[in-house]
Amino acid sequence: MRIIFAGTPDFAAHNLKVLLTTDHTICATYTQPDRPAGRGRKLATSPVKQVALDNNIPVEQPESFKQQSDKDTLIAYQADLIIVVAYGLILPQAVLDAPTLGCINIHASLLPRWRGAAPIQRAILAGDNKTGVCIMQMEAGLDTGPVLARAQCPIYNDDTAQRLHDRLAQLGGETLLNSLPKLTTLQAEAESQHHELSTYAKKLHKTEANIDWKNTAKVIVRQVHAFNPWPVAQTEWKQKTFRVWSAEEVDTPHSAAPGQVIKVDKNGIDIACGQGSLRMTEVQLAGKRAMPVSDFLNANLLSTGEHLG
């Protein structure tokens, strides 16, 4: 087939690399325009664009598809199929209808659960014990199209968003490879979603990373895991931002107020929560690198009885 691939982040780039191992022709890639990134705010290419350039695949980066010229450019590629993975732009009906076989999307959840921009993080935050990937036939609604294939994987208690992201990227590529040879059959037998069961995975916001120690230890640990590597769960210590990269729920008994330090040793810093307690094992003070608690305590004095937040 002649395929257009549309995607932007690492999750999408992994699937593009998988697609390059097949005999299909990637006639073009579509990705978000280069954006300023890093401290120098220099324009950065997306991971998908980098893979495309490394493999001499044409790259298109429209700001949107509002201009007829952008639609015409895509249609001119005469693709049989468009594969969309975390692209970040809404595709109008004219684009959805352009390829012979339409557009399919690889989505990192078990639809209809977690439609939207941040399904991996929202699944961890909600305490889900499983997730997966779906290959969906795209339509005008947000992740509402019929499902062609799905694959499931567990969410472990110590899964961070990054760790789960990497497993799902791998699973998405495998599911795509299995689905393409029988695509027309899968389309004919597509499973309609139960829209009444849908949940929305809204985009992450930095303010969500602020820890409220009145929450239960279980909820805060999920927050730490879901926001690693971005935006990273944080609190305040001595009027400085104190990031928590890794934490676990522990059974340290206490009658302390939420946010109070109840135990400190090389294994971690135990904090009282609204219910239960958690142990921070990797932390980062503003202006410093992330480090294990044992390294942090070598350079900083943090004592039992102090308060965070």
C-alpha atoms as a PDB file:
ATOM      1  CA  MET A   1       0.000   0.000   0.000  1.00  0.00           C
ATOM      2  CA  ARG A   2       0.905   3.661  -0.353  1.00  0.00           C
ATOM      3  CA  ILE A   3       0.727   4.991   3.193  1.00  0.00           C
ATOM      4  CA  ILE A   4       0.845   8.450   4.740  1.00  0.00           C
ATOM      5  CA  PHE A   5       2.007   8.384   8.352  1.00  0.00           C
ATOM      6  CA  ALA A   6       0.880  11.215  10.646  1.00  0.00           C
ATOM      7  CA  GLY A   7       2.344  11.550  14.135  1.00  0.00           C
ATOM      8  CA  THR A   8       4.601  13.651  16.341  1.00  0.00           C
ATOM      9  CA  PRO A   9       6.085  12.271  19.632  1.00  0.00           C
ATOM     10  CA  ASP A  10       8.265   9.255  20.495  1.00  0.00           C
ATOM     11  CA  PHE A  11       5.234   6.970  20.748  1.00  0.00           C
ATOM     12  CA  ALA A  12       4.452   7.704  17.098  1.00  0.00           C
ATOM     13  CA  ALA A  13       8.091   7.529  15.982  1.00  0.00           C
ATOM     14  CA  HIS A  14       8.362   3.963  17.298  1.00  0.00           C
ATOM     15  CA  ASN A  15       5.371   2.939  15.182  1.00  0.00           C
ATOM     16  CA  LEU A  16       6.822   4.645  12.101  1.00  0.00           C
ATOM     17  CA  LYS A  17      10.033   2.644  12.553  1.00  0.00           C
ATOM     18  CA  VAL A  18       7.967  -0.551  12.734  1.00  0.00           C
ATOM     19  CA  LEU A  19       6.124   0.424   9.554  1.00  0.00           C
ATOM     20  CA  LEU A  20       9.465   0.903   7.792  1.00  0.00           C
ATOM     21  CA  THR A  21      10.207  -2.811   8.274  1.00  0.00           C
ATOM     22  CA  THR A  22       7.281  -3.714   5.983  1.00  0.00           C
ATOM     23  CA  ASP A  23       7.023  -3.685   2.180  1.00  0.00           C
ATOM     24  CA  HIS A  24       4.568  -0.788   2.179  1.00  0.00           C
ATOM     25  CA  THR A  25       5.561   2.547   0.653  1.00  0.00           C
ATOM     26  CA  ILE A  26       5.595   5.490   3.051  1.00  0.00           C
ATOM     27  CA  CYS A  27       4.844   8.237   0.558  1.00  0.00           C
ATOM     28  CA  ALA A  28       4.842  11.057   3.140  1.00  0.00           C
ATOM     29  CA  THR A  29       4.901  11.831   6.845  1.00  0.00           C
ATOM     30  CA  TYR A  30       2.828  14.533   8.497  1.00  0.00           C
ATOM     31  CA  THR A  31       3.977  15.964  11.815  1.00  0.00           C
ATOM     32  CA  GLN A  32       3.541  19.088  13.932  1.00  0.00           C
ATOM     33  CA  PRO A  33       5.517  22.197  12.900  1.00  0.00           C
ATOM     34  CA  ASP A  34       8.901  22.618  14.608  1.00  0.00           C
ATOM     35  CA  ARG A  35       8.448  24.226  18.040  1.00  0.00           C
ATOM     36  CA  PRO A  36      10.818  26.097  20.396  1.00  0.00           C
ATOM     37  CA  ALA A  37      12.163  23.734  23.058  1.00  0.00           C
ATOM     38  CA  GLY A  38      14.725  23.647  25.852  1.00  0.00           C
ATOM     39  CA  ARG A  39      16.368  26.494  27.680  1.00  0.00           C
ATOM     40  CA  GLY A  40      17.654  28.046  24.465  1.00  0.00           C
ATOM     41  CA  ARG A  41      14.156  27.905  22.929  1.00  0.00           C
ATOM     42  CA  LYS A  42      15.624  26.698  19.659  1.00  0.00           C
ATOM     43  CA  LEU A  43      13.290  25.147  17.084  1.00  0.00           C
ATOM     44  CA  ALA A  44      13.186  21.395  17.613  1.00  0.00           C
ATOM     45  CA  THR A  45      12.130  18.737  15.142  1.00  0.00           C
ATOM     46  CA  SER A  46       9.641  16.129  16.305  1.00  0.00           C
ATOM     47  CA  PRO A  47      10.783  12.506  16.773  1.00  0.00           C
ATOM     48  CA  VAL A  48       8.619  11.503  13.784  1.00  0.00           C
ATOM     49  CA  LYS A  49      10.220  14.139  11.566  1.00  0.00           C
ATOM     50  CA  GLN A  50      13.679  12.922  12.555  1.00  0.00           C
ATOM     51  CA  VAL A  51      12.836   9.324  11.619  1.00  0.00           C
ATOM     52  CA  ALA A  52      11.406  10.537   8.295  1.00  0.00           C
ATOM     53  CA  LEU A  53      14.495  12.613   7.469  1.00  0.00           C
ATOM     54  CA  ASP A  54      16.782   9.704   8.369  1.00  0.00           C
ATOM     55  CA  ASN A  55      14.878   7.550   5.874  1.00  0.00           C
ATOM     56  CA  ASN A  56      14.429  10.132   3.079  1.00  0.00           C
ATOM     57  CA  ILE A  57      10.646  10.306   3.468  1.00  0.00           C
ATOM     58  CA  PRO A  58       8.916  13.569   2.466  1.00  0.00           C
ATOM     59  CA  VAL A  59       7.804  15.620   5.484  1.00  0.00           C
ATOM     60  CA  GLU A  60       4.760  17.893   5.596  1.00  0.00           C
ATOM     61  CA  GLN A  61       4.123  20.198   8.579  1.00  0.00           C
ATOM     62  CA  PRO A  62       0.920  22.204   8.100  1.00  0.00           C
ATOM     63  CA  GLU A  63      -0.296  24.379  10.980  1.00  0.00           C
ATOM     64  CA  SER A  64      -3.786  23.018  10.286  1.00  0.00           C
ATOM     65  CA  PHE A  65      -5.893  21.743   7.422  1.00  0.00           C
ATOM     66  CA  LYS A  66      -7.992  24.880   7.156  1.00  0.00           C
ATOM     67  CA  GLN A  67      -6.299  25.931   3.911  1.00  0.00           C
ATOM     68  CA  GLN A  68      -7.504  24.153   0.789  1.00  0.00           C
ATOM     69  CA  SER A  69      -3.898  24.015  -0.434  1.00  0.00           C
ATOM     70  CA  ASP A  70      -2.934  21.809   2.532  1.00  0.00           C
ATOM     71  CA  LYS A  71      -5.787  19.422   1.777  1.00  0.00           C
ATOM     72  CA  ASP A  72      -4.833  19.370  -1.911  1.00  0.00           C
ATOM     73  CA  THR A  73      -1.211  18.533  -1.074  1.00  0.00           C
ATOM     74  CA  LEU A  74      -2.270  15.543   0.997  1.00  0.00           C
ATOM     75  CA  ILE A  75      -4.755  14.303  -1.597  1.00  0.00           C
ATOM     76  CA  ALA A  76      -2.072  14.552  -4.299  1.00  0.00           C
ATOM     77  CA  TYR A  77      -0.026  11.825  -2.579  1.00  0.00           C
ATOM     78  CA  GLN A  78      -2.779   9.370  -3.637  1.00  0.00           C
ATOM     79  CA  ALA A  79      -2.401   7.279  -0.498  1.00  0.00           C
ATOM     80  CA  ASP A  80      -4.289   4.040   0.028  1.00  0.00           C
ATOM     81  CA  LEU A  81      -4.225   4.549   3.801  1.00  0.00           C
ATOM     82  CA  ILE A  82      -3.335   7.170   6.408  1.00  0.00           C
ATOM     83  CA  ILE A  83      -2.010   5.895   9.752  1.00  0.00           C
ATOM     84  CA  VAL A  84      -2.353   8.436  12.578  1.00  0.00           C
ATOM     85  CA  VAL A  85      -0.525   8.105  15.904  1.00  0.00           C
ATOM     86  CA  ALA A  86      -0.583  10.992  18.410  1.00  0.00           C
ATOM     87  CA  TYR A  87      -0.477  13.554  15.597  1.00  0.00           C
ATOM     88  CA  GLY A  88      -2.042  16.466  17.482  1.00  0.00           C
ATOM     89  CA  LEU A  89      -4.096  17.979  14.642  1.00  0.00           C
ATOM     90  CA  ILE A  90      -7.778  17.455  13.874  1.00  0.00           C
ATOM     91  CA  LEU A  91      -8.260  15.874  10.461  1.00  0.00           C
ATOM     92  CA  PRO A  92     -11.237  17.303   8.538  1.00  0.00           C
ATOM     93  CA  GLN A  93     -13.652  15.025   6.717  1.00  0.00           C
ATOM     94  CA  ALA A  94     -12.012  15.780   3.364  1.00  0.00           C
ATOM     95  CA  VAL A  95      -8.740  14.324   4.677  1.00  0.00           C
ATOM     96  CA  LEU A  96     -10.433  11.340   6.348  1.00  0.00           C
ATOM     97  CA  ASP A  97     -12.098  10.517   3.028  1.00  0.00           C
ATOM     98  CA  ALA A  98      -9.003  10.997   0.843  1.00  0.00           C
ATOM     99  CA  PRO A  99      -7.352   7.534   1.075  1.00  0.00           C
ATOM    100  CA  THR A 100      -9.051   4.509  -0.457  1.00  0.00           C
ATOM    101  CA  LEU A 101      -9.038   2.701   2.904  1.00  0.00           C
ATOM    102  CA  GLY A 102      -9.565   5.820   5.010  1.00  0.00           C
ATOM    103  CA  CYS A 103      -7.575   6.702   8.121  1.00  0.00           C
ATOM    104  CA  ILE A 104      -6.718   4.444  11.047  1.00  0.00           C
ATOM    105  CA  ASN A 105      -5.449   5.521  14.444  1.00  0.00           C
ATOM    106  CA  ILE A 106      -3.315   3.736  17.044  1.00  0.00           C
ATOM    107  CA  HIS A 107      -4.587   4.881  20.437  1.00  0.00           C
ATOM    108  CA  ALA A 108      -2.991   4.031  23.800  1.00  0.00           C
ATOM    109  CA  SER A 109      -6.050   2.864  25.717  1.00  0.00           C
ATOM    110  CA  LEU A 110      -8.773   0.240  25.641  1.00  0.00           C
ATOM    111  CA  LEU A 111     -11.450   2.335  23.964  1.00  0.00           C
ATOM    112  CA  PRO A 112     -13.966   3.658  24.826  1.00  0.00           C
ATOM    113  CA  ARG A 113     -12.030   4.174  28.085  1.00  0.00           C
ATOM    114  CA  TRP A 114      -9.718   7.193  27.986  1.00  0.00           C
ATOM    115  CA  ARG A 115     -10.435   8.984  24.757  1.00  0.00           C
ATOM    116  CA  GLY A 116      -8.321  12.093  24.360  1.00  0.00           C
ATOM    117  CA  ALA A 117      -4.804  13.452  24.780  1.00  0.00           C
ATOM    118  CA  ALA A 118      -3.372  11.761  27.905  1.00  0.00           C
ATOM    119  CA  PRO A 119      -4.716   8.199  28.163  1.00  0.00           C
ATOM    120  CA  ILE A 120      -1.556   6.696  29.686  1.00  0.00           C
ATOM    121  CA  GLN A 121      -1.328   9.165  32.576  1.00  0.00           C
ATOM    122  CA  ARG A 122      -5.072   9.185  33.233  1.00  0.00           C
ATOM    123  CA  ALA A 123      -5.162   5.399  33.474  1.00  0.00           C
ATOM    124  CA  ILE A 124      -2.416   5.451  36.134  1.00  0.00           C
ATOM    125  CA  LEU A 125      -4.052   8.314  38.047  1.00  0.00           C
ATOM    126  CA  ALA A 126      -7.378   6.467  38.119  1.00  0.00           C
ATOM    127  CA  GLY A 127      -5.769   3.319  39.498  1.00  0.00           C
ATOM    128  CA  ASP A 128      -6.678   1.188  36.474  1.00  0.00           C
ATOM    129  CA  ASN A 129      -5.099  -2.273  36.608  1.00  0.00           C
ATOM    130  CA  LYS A 130      -5.006  -2.749  32.849  1.00  0.00           C
ATOM    131  CA  THR A 131      -4.792  -0.768  29.633  1.00  0.00           C
ATOM    132  CA  GLY A 132      -3.713  -1.468  26.066  1.00  0.00           C
ATOM    133  CA  VAL A 133      -3.836  -0.213  22.506  1.00  0.00           C
ATOM    134  CA  CYS A 134      -6.635   0.005  19.977  1.00  0.00           C
ATOM    135  CA  ILE A 135      -6.455   0.392  16.237  1.00  0.00           C
ATOM    136  CA  MET A 136      -9.489   2.423  15.276  1.00  0.00           C
ATOM    137  CA  GLN A 137     -11.071   3.521  12.017  1.00  0.00           C
ATOM    138  CA  MET A 138     -11.109   7.296  12.290  1.00  0.00           C
ATOM    139  CA  GLU A 139     -14.218   9.423  11.984  1.00  0.00           C
ATOM    140  CA  ALA A 140     -15.023  13.062  12.772  1.00  0.00           C
ATOM    141  CA  GLY A 141     -15.494  12.550  16.550  1.00  0.00           C
ATOM    142  CA  LEU A 142     -12.647  12.416  19.080  1.00  0.00           C
ATOM    143  CA  ASP A 143     -11.553   8.756  19.259  1.00  0.00           C
ATOM    144  CA  THR A 144     -15.123   7.611  18.590  1.00  0.00           C
ATOM    145  CA  GLY A 145     -14.566   5.391  15.553  1.00  0.00           C
ATOM    146  CA  PRO A 146     -15.075   1.620  15.376  1.00  0.00           C
ATOM    147  CA  VAL A 147     -12.251  -0.537  16.720  1.00  0.00           C
ATOM    148  CA  LEU A 148     -10.440  -2.841  14.275  1.00  0.00           C
ATOM    149  CA  ALA A 149      -8.056  -4.504  16.740  1.00  0.00           C
ATOM    150  CA  ARG A 150      -7.136  -4.261  20.410  1.00  0.00           C
ATOM    151  CA  ALA A 151      -4.358  -5.623  22.599  1.00  0.00           C
ATOM    152  CA  GLN A 152      -4.282  -5.534  26.393  1.00  0.00           C
ATOM    153  CA  CYS A 153      -1.493  -5.168  28.955  1.00  0.00           C
ATOM    154  CA  PRO A 154      -1.406  -4.871  32.768  1.00  0.00           C
ATOM    155  CA  ILE A 155      -0.578  -1.712  34.704  1.00  0.00           C
ATOM    156  CA  TYR A 156       1.820  -2.650  37.506  1.00  0.00           C
ATOM    157  CA  ASN A 157       1.907  -0.889  40.879  1.00  0.00           C
ATOM    158  CA  ASP A 158       5.316   0.641  40.156  1.00  0.00           C
ATOM    159  CA  ASP A 159       4.599   1.687  36.557  1.00  0.00           C
ATOM    160  CA  THR A 160       5.510   5.264  35.714  1.00  0.00           C
ATOM    161  CA  ALA A 161       3.979   6.972  32.698  1.00  0.00           C
ATOM    162  CA  GLN A 162       7.304   6.563  30.880  1.00  0.00           C
ATOM    163  CA  ARG A 163       7.571   2.852  31.599  1.00  0.00           C
ATOM    164  CA  LEU A 164       3.977   2.200  30.539  1.00  0.00           C
ATOM    165  CA  HIS A 165       4.424   4.438  27.469  1.00  0.00           C
ATOM    166  CA  ASP A 166       7.358   2.329  26.295  1.00  0.00           C
ATOM    167  CA  ARG A 167       5.456  -0.952  26.686  1.00  0.00           C
ATOM    168  CA  LEU A 168       2.409   0.424  24.878  1.00  0.00           C
ATOM    169  CA  ALA A 169       4.535   1.790  22.018  1.00  0.00           C
ATOM    170  CA  GLN A 170       5.966  -1.702  21.566  1.00  0.00           C
ATOM    171  CA  LEU A 171       2.491  -3.249  21.761  1.00  0.00           C
ATOM    172  CA  GLY A 172       1.105  -0.722  19.287  1.00  0.00           C
ATOM    173  CA  GLY A 173       3.765  -1.578  16.724  1.00  0.00           C
ATOM    174  CA  GLU A 174       3.131  -5.311  17.096  1.00  0.00           C
ATOM    175  CA  THR A 175      -0.627  -4.831  16.763  1.00  0.00           C
ATOM    176  CA  LEU A 176      -0.170  -2.669  13.668  1.00  0.00           C
ATOM    177  CA  LEU A 177       2.036  -5.297  11.999  1.00  0.00           C
ATOM    178  CA  ASN A 178      -0.553  -7.997  12.723  1.00  0.00           C
ATOM    179  CA  SER A 179      -3.439  -5.871  11.471  1.00  0.00           C
ATOM    180  CA  LEU A 180      -2.197  -4.479   8.150  1.00  0.00           C
ATOM    181  CA  PRO A 181      -2.235  -7.780   6.185  1.00  0.00           C
ATOM    182  CA  LYS A 182      -5.917  -8.319   7.060  1.00  0.00           C
ATOM    183  CA  LEU A 183      -7.004  -4.684   7.152  1.00  0.00           C
ATOM    184  CA  THR A 184      -9.998  -4.935   4.824  1.00  0.00           C
ATOM    185  CA  THR A 185     -11.370  -7.903   6.794  1.00  0.00           C
ATOM    186  CA  LEU A 186     -10.910  -6.033  10.072  1.00  0.00           C
ATOM    187  CA  GLN A 187     -12.683  -3.000   8.630  1.00  0.00           C
ATOM    188  CA  ALA A 188     -15.621  -5.137   7.539  1.00  0.00           C
ATOM    189  CA  GLU A 189     -15.873  -6.648  11.042  1.00  0.00           C
ATOM    190  CA  ALA A 190     -15.121  -3.457  13.022  1.00  0.00           C
ATOM    191  CA  GLU A 191     -16.493  -3.268  16.569  1.00  0.00           C
ATOM    192  CA  SER A 192     -18.580  -0.172  17.326  1.00  0.00           C
ATOM    193  CA  GLN A 193     -17.728   1.545  20.596  1.00  0.00           C
ATOM    194  CA  HIS A 194     -20.160   1.769  23.505  1.00  0.00           C
ATOM    195  CA  HIS A 195     -20.154   5.555  23.740  1.00  0.00           C
ATOM    196  CA  GLU A 196     -21.988   5.566  27.073  1.00  0.00           C
ATOM    197  CA  LEU A 197     -18.924   3.908  28.673  1.00  0.00           C
ATOM    198  CA  SER A 198     -16.439   6.499  27.439  1.00  0.00           C
ATOM    199  CA  THR A 199     -14.120   8.510  29.681  1.00  0.00           C
ATOM    200  CA  TYR A 200     -12.116  11.561  28.693  1.00  0.00           C
ATOM    201  CA  ALA A 201      -8.332  11.772  29.152  1.00  0.00           C
ATOM    202  CA  LYS A 202      -7.840  15.529  29.221  1.00  0.00           C
ATOM    203  CA  LYS A 203      -4.455  17.072  28.505  1.00  0.00           C
ATOM    204  CA  LEU A 204      -2.080  17.292  31.476  1.00  0.00           C
ATOM    205  CA  HIS A 205      -1.602  20.638  33.209  1.00  0.00           C
ATOM    206  CA  LYS A 206       1.381  21.610  35.357  1.00  0.00           C
ATOM    207  CA  THR A 207      -0.857  22.576  38.274  1.00  0.00           C
ATOM    208  CA  GLU A 208      -1.953  18.944  38.605  1.00  0.00           C
ATOM    209  CA  ALA A 209       1.577  18.077  39.717  1.00  0.00           C
ATOM    210  CA  ASN A 210       1.221  19.916  43.057  1.00  0.00           C
ATOM    211  CA  ILE A 211       0.928  17.354  45.851  1.00  0.00           C
ATOM    212  CA  ASP A 212      -1.871  17.776  48.389  1.00  0.00           C
ATOM    213  CA  TRP A 213      -0.696  15.772  51.395  1.00  0.00           C
ATOM    214  CA  LYS A 214      -4.273  15.557  52.666  1.00  0.00           C
ATOM    215  CA  ASN A 215      -4.898  12.996  49.927  1.00  0.00           C
ATOM    216  CA  THR A 216      -4.347   9.314  50.646  1.00  0.00           C
ATOM    217  CA  ALA A 217      -0.901   7.818  50.164  1.00  0.00           C
ATOM    218  CA  LYS A 218      -2.310   5.612  47.407  1.00  0.00           C
ATOM    219  CA  VAL A 219      -3.578   8.636  45.426  1.00  0.00           C
ATOM    220  CA  ILE A 220      -0.318  10.573  45.833  1.00  0.00           C
ATOM    221  CA  VAL A 221       1.809   7.611  44.725  1.00  0.00           C
ATOM    222  CA  ARG A 222      -0.332   7.335  41.583  1.00  0.00           C
ATOM    223  CA  GLN A 223       0.248  11.057  41.016  1.00  0.00           C
ATOM    224  CA  VAL A 224       4.015  10.585  41.315  1.00  0.00           C
ATOM    225  CA  HIS A 225       3.960   7.692  38.855  1.00  0.00           C
ATOM    226  CA  ALA A 226       1.590   9.333  36.358  1.00  0.00           C
ATOM    227  CA  PHE A 227       3.609  12.575  36.184  1.00  0.00           C
ATOM    228  CA  ASN A 228       6.989  10.936  35.650  1.00  0.00           C
ATOM    229  CA  PRO A 229       8.587  12.163  33.374  1.00  0.00           C
ATOM    230  CA  TRP A 230       6.317  15.238  32.991  1.00  0.00           C
ATOM    231  CA  PRO A 231       5.338  17.486  34.691  1.00  0.00           C
ATOM    232  CA  VAL A 232       6.768  15.651  37.776  1.00  0.00           C
ATOM    233  CA  ALA A 233       4.908  15.649  41.103  1.00  0.00           C
ATOM    234  CA  GLN A 234       6.121  18.404  43.410  1.00  0.00           C
ATOM    235  CA  THR A 235       5.777  19.903  46.859  1.00  0.00           C
ATOM    236  CA  GLU A 236       7.644  22.614  48.770  1.00  0.00           C
ATOM    237  CA  TRP A 237      10.468  22.365  51.291  1.00  0.00           C
ATOM    238  CA  LYS A 238      12.078  25.410  52.911  1.00  0.00           C
ATOM    239  CA  GLN A 239      10.308  27.606  50.345  1.00  0.00           C
ATOM    240  CA  LYS A 240      11.911  25.720  47.471  1.00  0.00           C
ATOM    241  CA  THR A 241      10.286  23.492  44.864  1.00  0.00           C
ATOM    242  CA  PHE A 242      10.857  19.872  45.812  1.00  0.00           C
ATOM    243  CA  ARG A 243      10.129  17.338  43.080  1.00  0.00           C
ATOM    244  CA  VAL A 244       9.269  13.727  43.767  1.00  0.00           C
ATOM    245  CA  TRP A 245      10.315  11.363  40.981  1.00  0.00           C
ATOM    246  CA  SER A 246       9.694   8.068  42.729  1.00  0.00           C
ATOM    247  CA  ALA A 247       7.609   7.012  45.727  1.00  0.00           C
ATOM    248  CA  GLU A 248       5.875   4.005  47.217  1.00  0.00           C
ATOM    249  CA  GLU A 249       3.153   3.390  49.755  1.00  0.00           C
ATOM    250  CA  VAL A 250       4.474   2.145  53.130  1.00  0.00           C
ATOM    251  CA  ASP A 251       3.033   0.935  56.442  1.00  0.00           C
ATOM    252  CA  THR A 252       4.906   3.345  58.718  1.00  0.00           C
ATOM    253  CA  PRO A 253       2.470   3.934  61.635  1.00  0.00           C
ATOM    254  CA  HIS A 254       1.913   7.566  62.601  1.00  0.00           C
ATOM    255  CA  SER A 255      -0.466  10.108  64.110  1.00  0.00           C
ATOM    256  CA  ALA A 256       1.226  13.015  62.320  1.00  0.00           C
ATOM    257  CA  ALA A 257      -0.390  15.789  60.310  1.00  0.00           C
ATOM    258  CA  PRO A 258      -0.445  15.428  56.511  1.00  0.00           C
ATOM    259  CA  GLY A 259       2.884  16.513  55.017  1.00  0.00           C
ATOM    260  CA  GLN A 260       4.930  15.865  58.155  1.00  0.00           C
ATOM    261  CA  VAL A 261       8.179  13.922  57.855  1.00  0.00           C
ATOM    262  CA  ILE A 262       7.860  10.826  60.067  1.00  0.00           C
ATOM    263  CA  LYS A 263      11.006   8.895  59.199  1.00  0.00           C
ATOM    264  CA  VAL A 264      14.297   9.623  57.417  1.00  0.00           C
ATOM    265  CA  ASP A 265      17.002   7.143  56.425  1.00  0.00           C
ATOM    266  CA  LYS A 266      19.005   6.091  53.376  1.00  0.00           C
ATOM    267  CA  ASN A 267      16.079   3.985  52.117  1.00  0.00           C
ATOM    268  CA  GLY A 268      13.761   6.971  51.794  1.00  0.00           C
ATOM    269  CA  ILE A 269      11.875   9.816  53.388  1.00  0.00           C
ATOM    270  CA  ASP A 270       8.521   8.785  54.871  1.00  0.00           C
ATOM    271  CA  ILE A 271       5.729  11.385  54.796  1.00  0.00           C
ATOM    272  CA  ALA A 272       2.371  11.348  56.575  1.00  0.00           C
ATOM    273  CA  CYS A 273      -0.619  11.583  54.233  1.00  0.00           C
ATOM    274  CA  GLY A 274      -4.325  12.138  54.832  1.00  0.00           C
ATOM    275  CA  GLN A 275      -4.524   8.363  55.042  1.00  0.00           C
ATOM    276  CA  GLY A 276      -1.449   6.171  55.277  1.00  0.00           C
ATOM    277  CA  SER A 277       2.103   7.221  54.469  1.00  0.00           C
ATOM    278  CA  LEU A 278       4.439   7.174  51.508  1.00  0.00           C
ATOM    279  CA  ARG A 279       8.178   6.840  51.074  1.00  0.00           C
ATOM    280  CA  MET A 280       9.987   9.136  48.648  1.00  0.00           C
ATOM    281  CA  THR A 281      12.944   7.329  47.067  1.00  0.00           C
ATOM    282  CA  GLU A 282      14.079   9.703  44.300  1.00  0.00           C
ATOM    283  CA  VAL A 283      13.835  13.480  44.665  1.00  0.00           C
ATOM    284  CA  GLN A 284      15.022  16.724  43.117  1.00  0.00           C
ATOM    285  CA  LEU A 285      15.574  20.104  44.741  1.00  0.00           C
ATOM    286  CA  ALA A 286      15.101  23.206  42.571  1.00  0.00           C
ATOM    287  CA  GLY A 287      18.216  23.871  40.502  1.00  0.00           C
ATOM    288  CA  LYS A 288      19.653  20.396  41.153  1.00  0.00           C
ATOM    289  CA  ARG A 289      19.485  17.057  39.368  1.00  0.00           C
ATOM    290  CA  ALA A 290      17.165  14.221  40.333  1.00  0.00           C
ATOM    291  CA  MET A 291      18.864  11.799  42.735  1.00  0.00           C
ATOM    292  CA  PRO A 292      18.237   8.886  45.106  1.00  0.00           C
ATOM    293  CA  VAL A 293      17.251   9.955  48.616  1.00  0.00           C
ATOM    294  CA  SER A 294      20.549   8.608  50.004  1.00  0.00           C
ATOM    295  CA  ASP A 295      22.490  11.074  47.806  1.00  0.00           C
ATOM    296  CA  PHE A 296      20.097  13.905  48.672  1.00  0.00           C
ATOM    297  CA  LEU A 297      20.592  13.338  52.414  1.00  0.00           C
ATOM    298  CA  ASN A 298      24.374  13.420  52.020  1.00  0.00           C
ATOM    299  CA  ALA A 299      24.090  17.041  50.906  1.00  0.00           C
ATOM    300  CA  ASN A 300      20.964  18.240  52.737  1.00  0.00           C
ATOM    301  CA  LEU A 301      19.660  18.110  56.303  1.00  0.00           C
ATOM    302  CA  LEU A 302      16.005  17.051  56.403  1.00  0.00           C
ATOM    303  CA  SER A 303      14.728  15.927  59.776  1.00  0.00           C
ATOM    304  CA  THR A 304      11.792  14.055  61.284  1.00  0.00           C
ATOM    305  CA  GLY A 305       9.045  16.486  62.270  1.00  0.00           C
ATOM    306  CA  GLU A 306       9.575  18.922  59.398  1.00  0.00           C
ATOM    307  CA  HIS A 307       6.677  19.671  57.070  1.00  0.00           C
ATOM    308  CA  LEU A 308       6.465  19.607  53.284  1.00  0.00           C
ATOM    309  CA  GLY A 309       4.041  21.657  51.256  1.00  0.00           C
END
